């Protein structure tokens, strides 16, 4: 343990927190813009992954703009605490000084809590800076979003993380006992999270001293517990990765699809959720181009339910391979959407009488069933009778693609259309 860490009274991440915008690493474009408008009145939402400097930027803005900085946690504080802050801010506002209210994890505020911010923002009594790791479009209501500017912070790249390592070594007054490969491994463990990187450095500092021999990547891995994969099963990463898997399957990119599947499985995603989405993909994006796709999906689902992990994981991987390499068609999906719209627009029309049953004499007297032709009694097994409402022009919802089994369906439909039009009798 170093002398610097021995007498430190605060965590390394707090001791190293920058005091000016130009010292914030990895967000140069945003900090440059903010430096030009420190005293501006606009409220902000800082959206980005953990450890990208959201809290630090908010604190610096408050100090450099000469505004009273009031932090608030959306996890622990609610409307009552907001009212206390507004009450305290009133005298300062009347004296010409604004309060900068920083709300960490603002996405955790419910609608009522978000609405409680609006009057103070409108009046100009407070300047809001909210920090969130969730997409504001989904986690914040429209009334609040219309009153703020959203700034997107990126995960720190390797260069920025390298700068943090150098700063930490300067602060600790020692070089970390790591060779080049271990340095690269340390950066990889951080996965773009500057705060987590500094916490790792603090752990290394506490567990080593000046006499510790230089470590390679394997030795560093033994020293540190492995960082969990960057994944939040209820947050943006959950939706980002399932979207990446779905679109990789649609693009028939088998290898990319397996990669995203592995990411989700290793992070502990619910396999039942993945299988439900894969089954949906089978019907929505493959459809009748490979009619057995849904059956394969259900079979994989059943296999996983019987085997569990890790044995059942292979069934999911095999399903992903099958879906990625299958012909694709959304013709059935599109046909269903158009049919639903037509049914909503013309849902009042009666079926033609010839396809209605006539179990009573009254219905027979009303011509129910009159003129109906039993298809199996015809030479081609096809009567060609119109089954749409009589006042509705014949419509064509389903347009099969020239891929997979739908190529055969398309030929069959074309043959039936020729029979319906009286243009031919042979397939």
Protein backbone atom coordinates (compact mmCIF):
# COMPACT_ATOMS: atom_id res chain seq x y z
CA UNK A 1 0.00 0.00 0.00
CA UNK A 2 1.34 3.44 -0.89
CA UNK A 3 1.77 6.44 1.36
CA UNK A 4 -0.80 8.32 -0.71
CA UNK A 5 -3.47 5.68 -0.19
CA UNK A 6 -2.57 5.12 3.47
CA UNK A 7 -3.47 8.67 4.47
CA UNK A 8 -6.31 9.18 1.96
CA UNK A 9 -9.63 10.01 3.60
CA UNK A 10 -11.79 9.59 0.48
CA UNK A 11 -12.09 7.01 -2.30
CA UNK A 12 -9.66 7.43 -5.17
CA UNK A 13 -12.50 8.21 -7.61
CA UNK A 14 -13.60 11.12 -5.44
CA UNK A 15 -10.05 12.35 -4.80
CA UNK A 16 -9.35 12.35 -8.55
CA UNK A 17 -12.62 14.03 -9.56
CA UNK A 18 -11.82 16.89 -12.01
CA UNK A 19 -12.54 20.45 -10.89
CA UNK A 20 -12.85 22.00 -14.36
CA UNK A 21 -14.49 20.92 -17.59
CA UNK A 22 -11.25 20.78 -19.56
CA UNK A 23 -9.98 18.02 -17.25
CA UNK A 24 -12.94 15.72 -17.95
CA UNK A 25 -11.62 12.94 -20.19
CA UNK A 26 -13.39 11.33 -23.12
CA UNK A 27 -16.14 13.95 -23.59
CA UNK A 28 -14.22 16.77 -25.26
CA UNK A 29 -16.93 17.84 -27.71
CA UNK A 30 -19.60 18.10 -25.01
CA UNK A 31 -17.41 19.79 -22.40
CA UNK A 32 -16.24 22.31 -25.01
CA UNK A 33 -19.83 23.23 -25.79
CA UNK A 34 -20.74 23.47 -22.12
CA UNK A 35 -17.75 25.67 -21.35
CA UNK A 36 -19.14 28.24 -23.78
CA UNK A 37 -22.53 28.35 -22.05
CA UNK A 38 -21.82 27.92 -18.35
CA UNK A 39 -24.18 30.67 -17.28
CA UNK A 40 -26.91 29.69 -19.73
CA UNK A 41 -30.33 29.14 -18.25
CA UNK A 42 -31.20 25.94 -20.09
CA UNK A 43 -31.74 22.68 -18.26
CA UNK A 44 -29.92 19.53 -19.37
CA UNK A 45 -30.24 15.77 -19.35
CA UNK A 46 -26.89 13.95 -19.47
CA UNK A 47 -27.48 10.51 -20.95
CA UNK A 48 -24.71 7.96 -21.04
CA UNK A 49 -23.32 4.71 -19.64
CA UNK A 50 -22.04 4.49 -16.05
CA UNK A 51 -18.69 6.11 -15.32
CA UNK A 52 -18.66 8.61 -18.19
CA UNK A 53 -18.57 11.81 -16.09
CA UNK A 54 -22.23 12.83 -15.75
CA UNK A 55 -22.07 13.71 -12.06
CA UNK A 56 -18.67 15.38 -12.42
CA UNK A 57 -19.84 17.58 -15.29
CA UNK A 58 -22.93 18.65 -13.35
CA UNK A 59 -20.88 19.61 -10.27
CA UNK A 60 -18.38 21.59 -12.32
CA UNK A 61 -21.14 23.50 -14.13
CA UNK A 62 -22.67 24.46 -10.79
CA UNK A 63 -19.37 25.72 -9.39
CA UNK A 64 -18.12 27.51 -12.50
CA UNK A 65 -21.51 29.11 -13.17
CA UNK A 66 -21.72 30.40 -9.61
CA UNK A 67 -24.98 28.56 -8.98
CA UNK A 68 -25.96 26.82 -5.75
CA UNK A 69 -25.43 23.11 -6.33
CA UNK A 70 -28.09 20.83 -4.82
CA UNK A 71 -27.69 17.10 -5.51
CA UNK A 72 -30.64 14.74 -5.36
CA UNK A 73 -30.90 10.98 -5.85
CA UNK A 74 -33.98 9.75 -7.66
CA UNK A 75 -33.48 6.42 -5.89
CA UNK A 76 -33.83 7.79 -2.35
CA UNK A 77 -35.55 11.17 -2.63
CA UNK A 78 -39.04 12.11 -3.73
CA UNK A 79 -41.49 14.99 -4.04
CA UNK A 80 -41.15 15.99 -0.36
CA UNK A 81 -37.40 16.55 -0.75
CA UNK A 82 -38.01 18.46 -3.99
CA UNK A 83 -40.34 20.83 -2.14
CA UNK A 84 -37.72 21.43 0.54
CA UNK A 85 -35.15 22.26 -2.13
CA UNK A 86 -37.57 24.62 -3.87
CA UNK A 87 -38.32 26.32 -0.54
CA UNK A 88 -34.59 26.79 0.15
CA UNK A 89 -34.00 28.02 -3.40
CA UNK A 90 -36.69 30.72 -3.24
CA UNK A 91 -34.70 33.33 -1.22
CA UNK A 92 -31.63 32.85 -3.45
CA UNK A 93 -33.77 33.23 -6.56
CA UNK A 94 -35.33 36.43 -5.27
CA UNK A 95 -31.80 37.68 -4.54
CA UNK A 96 -30.79 36.97 -8.13
CA UNK A 97 -29.00 33.64 -7.66
CA UNK A 98 -30.22 30.41 -9.23
CA UNK A 99 -30.02 26.90 -7.86
CA UNK A 100 -28.62 24.10 -9.98
CA UNK A 101 -30.54 20.95 -9.09
CA UNK A 102 -28.72 17.77 -10.03
CA UNK A 103 -30.94 14.68 -10.10
CA UNK A 104 -28.95 11.46 -10.39
CA UNK A 105 -30.72 8.53 -12.07
CA UNK A 106 -33.59 10.81 -13.01
CA UNK A 107 -35.18 8.00 -15.03
CA UNK A 108 -36.28 6.51 -11.69
CA UNK A 109 -38.60 9.45 -11.02
CA UNK A 110 -42.22 8.58 -11.76
CA UNK A 111 -44.53 10.89 -13.72
CA UNK A 112 -45.71 12.76 -10.62
CA UNK A 113 -42.15 13.39 -9.49
CA UNK A 114 -41.12 14.55 -12.96
CA UNK A 115 -44.14 16.85 -13.15
CA UNK A 116 -43.19 18.37 -9.79
CA UNK A 117 -40.02 19.75 -11.42
CA UNK A 118 -41.85 21.66 -14.14
CA UNK A 119 -43.08 24.79 -12.28
CA UNK A 120 -39.64 25.54 -10.82
CA UNK A 121 -38.01 25.06 -14.23
CA UNK A 122 -40.63 27.23 -15.92
CA UNK A 123 -40.20 30.00 -13.36
CA UNK A 124 -36.42 29.87 -13.75
CA UNK A 125 -35.88 29.28 -10.03
CA UNK A 126 -33.84 26.16 -10.71
CA UNK A 127 -31.68 24.90 -13.50
CA UNK A 128 -32.12 21.15 -13.78
CA UNK A 129 -29.34 18.77 -14.76
CA UNK A 130 -30.47 15.17 -14.77
CA UNK A 131 -28.23 12.14 -15.20
CA UNK A 132 -29.52 8.91 -16.67
CA UNK A 133 -28.26 5.66 -18.11
CA UNK A 134 -31.67 5.03 -19.73
CA UNK A 135 -32.95 6.38 -23.03
CA UNK A 136 -34.77 9.63 -22.09
CA UNK A 137 -37.26 9.10 -24.90
CA UNK A 138 -38.67 6.15 -22.97
CA UNK A 139 -37.92 7.03 -19.34
CA UNK A 140 -38.90 10.74 -19.20
CA UNK A 141 -42.30 12.19 -19.97
CA UNK A 142 -42.80 14.54 -22.90
CA UNK A 143 -43.53 17.60 -20.72
CA UNK A 144 -40.11 17.37 -19.08
CA UNK A 145 -38.30 16.46 -22.28
CA UNK A 146 -39.67 19.55 -24.02
CA UNK A 147 -37.98 21.76 -21.41
CA UNK A 148 -34.49 20.25 -21.48
CA UNK A 149 -31.65 19.61 -23.89
CA UNK A 150 -30.39 16.03 -24.01
CA UNK A 151 -26.62 15.58 -24.27
CA UNK A 152 -25.30 12.11 -25.05
CA UNK A 153 -22.10 11.02 -23.32
CA UNK A 154 -20.17 8.11 -24.82
CA UNK A 155 -18.44 5.25 -23.06
CA UNK A 156 -14.79 6.17 -22.56
CA UNK A 157 -12.50 4.89 -25.31
CA UNK A 158 -9.12 3.26 -24.70
CA UNK A 159 -7.29 6.58 -25.02
CA UNK A 160 -9.42 8.23 -22.33
CA UNK A 161 -9.06 5.22 -20.05
CA UNK A 162 -5.29 5.31 -20.57
CA UNK A 163 -5.29 8.98 -19.52
CA UNK A 164 -7.12 8.03 -16.33
CA UNK A 165 -4.52 5.37 -15.53
CA UNK A 166 -1.75 7.94 -15.93
CA UNK A 167 -3.59 10.44 -13.73
CA UNK A 168 -4.17 7.80 -11.07
CA UNK A 169 -0.49 6.83 -11.07
CA UNK A 170 0.46 10.49 -10.69
CA UNK A 171 -2.02 10.91 -7.83
CA UNK A 172 -0.76 7.77 -6.10
CA UNK A 173 2.86 8.77 -6.79
CA UNK A 174 3.70 5.32 -8.05
CA UNK A 175 3.57 3.27 -11.23
CA UNK A 176 1.21 0.33 -11.19
CA UNK A 177 3.13 -2.98 -11.32
CA UNK A 178 1.67 -3.98 -14.70
CA UNK A 179 3.29 -4.97 -17.97
CA UNK A 180 1.87 -3.82 -21.33
CA UNK A 181 -0.52 -6.76 -21.65
CA UNK A 182 -1.80 -6.22 -18.10
CA UNK A 183 -2.40 -2.55 -18.86
CA UNK A 184 -4.47 -3.55 -21.89
CA UNK A 185 -6.35 -6.11 -19.79
CA UNK A 186 -7.11 -3.45 -17.17
CA UNK A 187 -8.56 -1.15 -19.84
CA UNK A 188 -10.62 -4.03 -21.24
CA UNK A 189 -12.01 -4.85 -17.78
CA UNK A 190 -13.23 -1.26 -17.40
CA UNK A 191 -15.33 -1.58 -20.59
CA UNK A 192 -15.63 2.19 -21.02
CA UNK A 193 -16.50 2.91 -17.36
CA UNK A 194 -14.03 5.43 -15.91
CA UNK A 195 -15.29 5.13 -12.35
CA UNK A 196 -14.96 1.37 -12.44
CA UNK A 197 -11.44 1.67 -13.83
CA UNK A 198 -10.40 3.93 -10.96
CA UNK A 199 -11.94 1.50 -8.47
CA UNK A 200 -9.87 -1.31 -10.03
CA UNK A 201 -6.75 0.84 -9.77
CA UNK A 202 -7.54 1.52 -6.12
CA UNK A 203 -7.84 -2.21 -5.49
CA UNK A 204 -4.49 -2.86 -7.20
CA UNK A 205 -2.91 -0.10 -5.11
CA UNK A 206 -4.27 -1.60 -1.89
CA UNK A 207 -3.13 -5.14 -2.71
CA UNK A 208 0.38 -4.31 -3.97
CA UNK A 209 3.36 -2.21 -2.92
CA UNK A 210 6.62 -0.92 -4.41
CA UNK A 211 8.21 -4.35 -4.05
CA UNK A 212 5.47 -6.19 -5.98
CA UNK A 213 6.94 -7.65 -9.18
CA UNK A 214 5.43 -6.56 -12.50
CA UNK A 215 2.30 -8.55 -13.29
CA UNK A 216 1.15 -9.95 -16.60
CA UNK A 217 -2.52 -10.16 -17.65
CA UNK A 218 -3.02 -13.57 -16.07
CA UNK A 219 -1.60 -12.43 -12.73
CA UNK A 220 -3.78 -9.33 -12.82
CA UNK A 221 -6.81 -11.50 -13.49
CA UNK A 222 -6.03 -13.58 -10.42
CA UNK A 223 -5.66 -10.42 -8.34
CA UNK A 224 -8.94 -8.87 -9.37
CA UNK A 225 -12.39 -10.35 -9.44
CA UNK A 226 -13.79 -10.50 -12.97
CA UNK A 227 -16.02 -7.61 -13.99
CA UNK A 228 -19.57 -8.61 -14.88
CA UNK A 229 -20.49 -8.16 -18.51
CA UNK A 230 -21.90 -4.76 -19.38
CA UNK A 231 -25.55 -5.65 -19.21
CA UNK A 232 -28.69 -4.49 -17.42
CA UNK A 233 -31.56 -6.90 -17.93
CA UNK A 234 -34.12 -4.12 -17.48
CA UNK A 235 -32.24 -1.24 -19.09
CA UNK A 236 -30.96 -0.05 -22.45
CA UNK A 237 -28.48 -2.91 -22.92
CA UNK A 238 -31.33 -5.41 -22.61
CA UNK A 239 -33.15 -3.79 -25.53
CA UNK A 240 -29.99 -2.95 -27.49
CA UNK A 241 -28.73 -6.53 -27.54
CA UNK A 242 -32.03 -8.19 -28.37
CA UNK A 243 -32.38 -5.66 -31.19
CA UNK A 244 -28.87 -6.53 -32.38
CA UNK A 245 -29.72 -10.25 -32.30
CA UNK A 246 -33.02 -9.75 -34.14
CA UNK A 247 -31.50 -7.60 -36.88
CA UNK A 248 -28.51 -9.93 -37.30
CA UNK A 249 -30.94 -12.80 -37.88
CA UNK A 250 -32.91 -10.71 -40.36
CA UNK A 251 -29.67 -9.92 -42.20
CA UNK A 252 -28.85 -13.66 -42.30
CA UNK A 253 -25.60 -12.91 -40.43
CA UNK A 254 -25.28 -16.17 -38.56
CA UNK A 255 -21.96 -15.41 -36.85
CA UNK A 256 -23.01 -11.98 -35.58
CA UNK A 257 -26.28 -13.48 -34.30
CA UNK A 258 -24.35 -16.11 -32.33
CA UNK A 259 -22.13 -13.38 -30.87
CA UNK A 260 -25.10 -11.33 -29.62
CA UNK A 261 -26.77 -14.47 -28.29
CA UNK A 262 -23.60 -15.38 -26.38
CA UNK A 263 -23.40 -11.86 -24.95
CA UNK A 264 -26.94 -12.11 -23.63
CA UNK A 265 -26.60 -15.64 -22.27
CA UNK A 266 -23.30 -14.94 -20.50
CA UNK A 267 -24.81 -11.84 -18.91
CA UNK A 268 -27.62 -13.91 -17.43
CA UNK A 269 -30.50 -12.89 -19.69
CA UNK A 270 -33.66 -14.94 -19.18
CA UNK A 271 -33.53 -17.73 -21.76
CA UNK A 272 -37.33 -17.82 -21.88
CA UNK A 273 -37.33 -14.19 -23.06
CA UNK A 274 -34.80 -14.97 -25.79
CA UNK A 275 -36.78 -18.01 -26.96
CA UNK A 276 -40.01 -16.02 -27.06
CA UNK A 277 -38.33 -13.40 -29.25
CA UNK A 278 -36.82 -16.07 -31.51
CA UNK A 279 -40.23 -17.70 -31.96
CA UNK A 280 -41.68 -14.33 -32.86
CA UNK A 281 -38.87 -13.84 -35.38
CA UNK A 282 -39.66 -17.21 -36.95
CA UNK A 283 -43.23 -16.15 -37.72
CA UNK A 284 -42.57 -12.48 -38.46
CA UNK A 285 -39.36 -12.52 -40.53
CA UNK A 286 -39.22 -16.04 -41.96
CA UNK A 287 -42.89 -16.86 -42.18
CA UNK A 288 -43.91 -19.23 -44.95
CA UNK A 289 -40.56 -19.03 -46.71
CA UNK A 290 -39.63 -21.82 -44.27
CA UNK A 291 -42.92 -23.06 -42.78
CA UNK A 292 -41.15 -25.29 -40.26
CA UNK A 293 -39.36 -22.33 -38.60
CA UNK A 294 -41.98 -21.82 -35.90
CA UNK A 295 -42.06 -25.54 -35.20
CA UNK A 296 -38.27 -25.56 -34.85
CA UNK A 297 -38.50 -22.61 -32.46
CA UNK A 298 -41.11 -24.34 -30.29
CA UNK A 299 -39.03 -27.54 -30.30
CA UNK A 300 -35.94 -25.62 -29.16
CA UNK A 301 -38.03 -23.94 -26.48
CA UNK A 302 -39.27 -27.32 -25.22
CA UNK A 303 -35.75 -28.76 -25.31
CA UNK A 304 -34.43 -25.92 -23.20
CA UNK A 305 -37.28 -26.25 -20.70
CA UNK A 306 -36.50 -29.96 -20.27
CA UNK A 307 -32.71 -29.65 -20.16
CA UNK A 308 -32.09 -26.24 -18.60
CA UNK A 309 -28.65 -24.61 -18.66
CA UNK A 310 -25.99 -25.26 -19.70
CA UNK A 311 -27.12 -28.33 -21.71
CA UNK A 312 -30.15 -26.58 -23.14
CA UNK A 313 -28.12 -23.55 -24.29
CA UNK A 314 -27.03 -25.49 -27.36
CA UNK A 315 -30.66 -25.88 -28.46
CA UNK A 316 -30.98 -22.09 -28.47
CA UNK A 317 -27.71 -21.70 -30.38
CA UNK A 318 -28.85 -24.26 -32.98
CA UNK A 319 -32.15 -22.41 -33.35
CA UNK A 320 -30.30 -19.13 -33.94
CA UNK A 321 -28.18 -20.82 -36.64
CA UNK A 322 -31.31 -22.28 -38.28
CA UNK A 323 -33.16 -18.96 -38.25
CA UNK A 324 -30.17 -17.01 -39.53
CA UNK A 325 -29.63 -19.39 -42.44
CA UNK A 326 -33.32 -19.74 -43.40
CA UNK A 327 -34.88 -17.87 -46.33
CA UNK A 328 -36.65 -14.74 -45.12
CA UNK A 329 -40.09 -13.34 -45.92
CA UNK A 330 -42.36 -10.94 -44.11
CA UNK A 331 -45.15 -11.42 -46.67
CA UNK A 332 -47.47 -13.11 -44.18
CA UNK A 333 -46.78 -10.42 -41.58
CA UNK A 334 -47.59 -7.65 -44.08
CA UNK A 335 -50.69 -9.48 -45.33
CA UNK A 336 -52.02 -9.78 -41.77
CA UNK A 337 -51.47 -6.06 -41.08
CA UNK A 338 -53.32 -5.06 -44.27
CA UNK A 339 -56.14 -7.54 -43.56
CA UNK A 340 -56.58 -6.09 -40.06
CA UNK A 341 -56.80 -2.56 -41.45
CA UNK A 342 -59.35 -3.62 -44.07
CA UNK A 343 -61.41 -5.40 -41.42
CA UNK A 344 -61.44 -2.26 -39.30
CA UNK A 345 -62.46 -0.10 -42.27
CA UNK A 346 -65.07 -2.48 -43.70
CA UNK A 347 -66.03 -4.56 -40.70
CA UNK A 348 -69.76 -4.00 -41.14
CA UNK A 349 -70.15 -5.98 -44.37
CA UNK A 350 -71.95 -9.33 -44.41
CA UNK A 351 -70.36 -12.44 -45.98
CA UNK A 352 -71.83 -13.41 -49.38
CA UNK A 353 -74.86 -15.63 -48.89
CA UNK A 354 -73.49 -18.55 -50.90
CA UNK A 355 -70.83 -19.29 -48.21
CA UNK A 356 -73.29 -19.09 -45.30
CA UNK A 357 -74.83 -22.20 -43.75
CA UNK A 358 -78.63 -22.56 -43.87
CA UNK A 359 -79.65 -24.76 -40.90
CA UNK A 360 -83.23 -23.38 -40.85
CA UNK A 361 -85.95 -23.05 -43.48
CA UNK A 362 -86.05 -19.28 -42.99
CA UNK A 363 -82.36 -19.02 -43.84
CA UNK A 364 -82.90 -21.20 -46.91
CA UNK A 365 -85.77 -18.93 -47.95
CA UNK A 366 -83.33 -16.01 -47.65
CA UNK A 367 -80.97 -17.79 -50.09
CA UNK A 368 -78.36 -18.67 -47.50
CA UNK A 369 -76.07 -21.27 -49.08
CA UNK A 370 -77.65 -20.90 -52.50
CA UNK A 371 -75.19 -21.47 -55.33
CA UNK A 372 -72.40 -22.79 -53.10
CA UNK A 373 -69.99 -25.12 -54.92
CA UNK A 374 -68.23 -27.82 -52.88
CA UNK A 375 -64.58 -27.44 -53.95
CA UNK A 376 -63.72 -31.11 -53.54
CA UNK A 377 -66.36 -32.04 -56.08
CA UNK A 378 -64.68 -30.02 -58.84
CA UNK A 379 -62.09 -31.47 -61.22
CA UNK A 380 -59.31 -29.22 -59.96
CA UNK A 381 -60.42 -29.23 -56.30
CA UNK A 382 -60.95 -25.50 -56.68
CA UNK A 383 -64.24 -23.71 -57.24
CA UNK A 384 -62.94 -20.17 -57.69
CA UNK A 385 -65.97 -18.70 -55.92
CA UNK A 386 -65.61 -15.23 -54.40
CA UNK A 387 -65.66 -15.28 -50.61
CA UNK A 388 -65.35 -11.53 -49.98
CA UNK A 389 -68.45 -9.44 -49.13
CA UNK A 390 -70.38 -8.71 -52.31
CA UNK A 391 -69.95 -4.94 -51.97
CA UNK A 392 -66.19 -5.19 -51.44
CA UNK A 393 -63.86 -5.46 -54.40
CA UNK A 394 -61.65 -8.52 -54.37
CA UNK A 395 -58.42 -7.69 -52.56
CA UNK A 396 -54.97 -9.28 -52.56
CA UNK A 397 -53.29 -9.11 -49.14
CA UNK A 398 -50.70 -11.87 -49.37
CA UNK A 399 -47.84 -11.37 -51.83
CA UNK A 400 -45.39 -14.27 -51.34
CA UNK A 401 -41.72 -13.70 -51.99
CA UNK A 402 -39.60 -15.57 -54.54
CA UNK A 403 -37.71 -17.24 -51.68
CA UNK A 404 -37.82 -20.63 -50.05
CA UNK A 405 -41.13 -22.44 -49.89
CA UNK A 406 -43.01 -19.24 -50.73
CA UNK A 407 -41.79 -19.65 -54.30
CA UNK A 408 -44.04 -22.75 -54.52
CA UNK A 409 -46.92 -20.91 -52.83
CA UNK A 410 -46.60 -18.13 -55.39
CA UNK A 411 -46.91 -20.62 -58.26
CA UNK A 412 -49.98 -22.18 -56.65
CA UNK A 413 -51.70 -18.82 -56.12
CA UNK A 414 -50.95 -17.83 -59.72
CA UNK A 415 -52.51 -21.11 -60.92
CA UNK A 416 -55.65 -20.54 -58.85
CA UNK A 417 -55.92 -16.97 -60.13
CA UNK A 418 -55.81 -18.30 -63.70
CA UNK A 419 -58.60 -20.75 -62.87
CA UNK A 420 -60.58 -18.00 -61.17
CA UNK A 421 -60.24 -15.86 -64.29
CA UNK A 422 -61.04 -18.81 -66.56
CA UNK A 423 -57.64 -18.61 -68.22
CA UNK A 424 -56.49 -22.18 -67.74
CA UNK A 425 -57.05 -25.52 -66.13
CA UNK A 426 -53.60 -27.07 -65.93
CA UNK A 427 -50.91 -26.43 -63.32
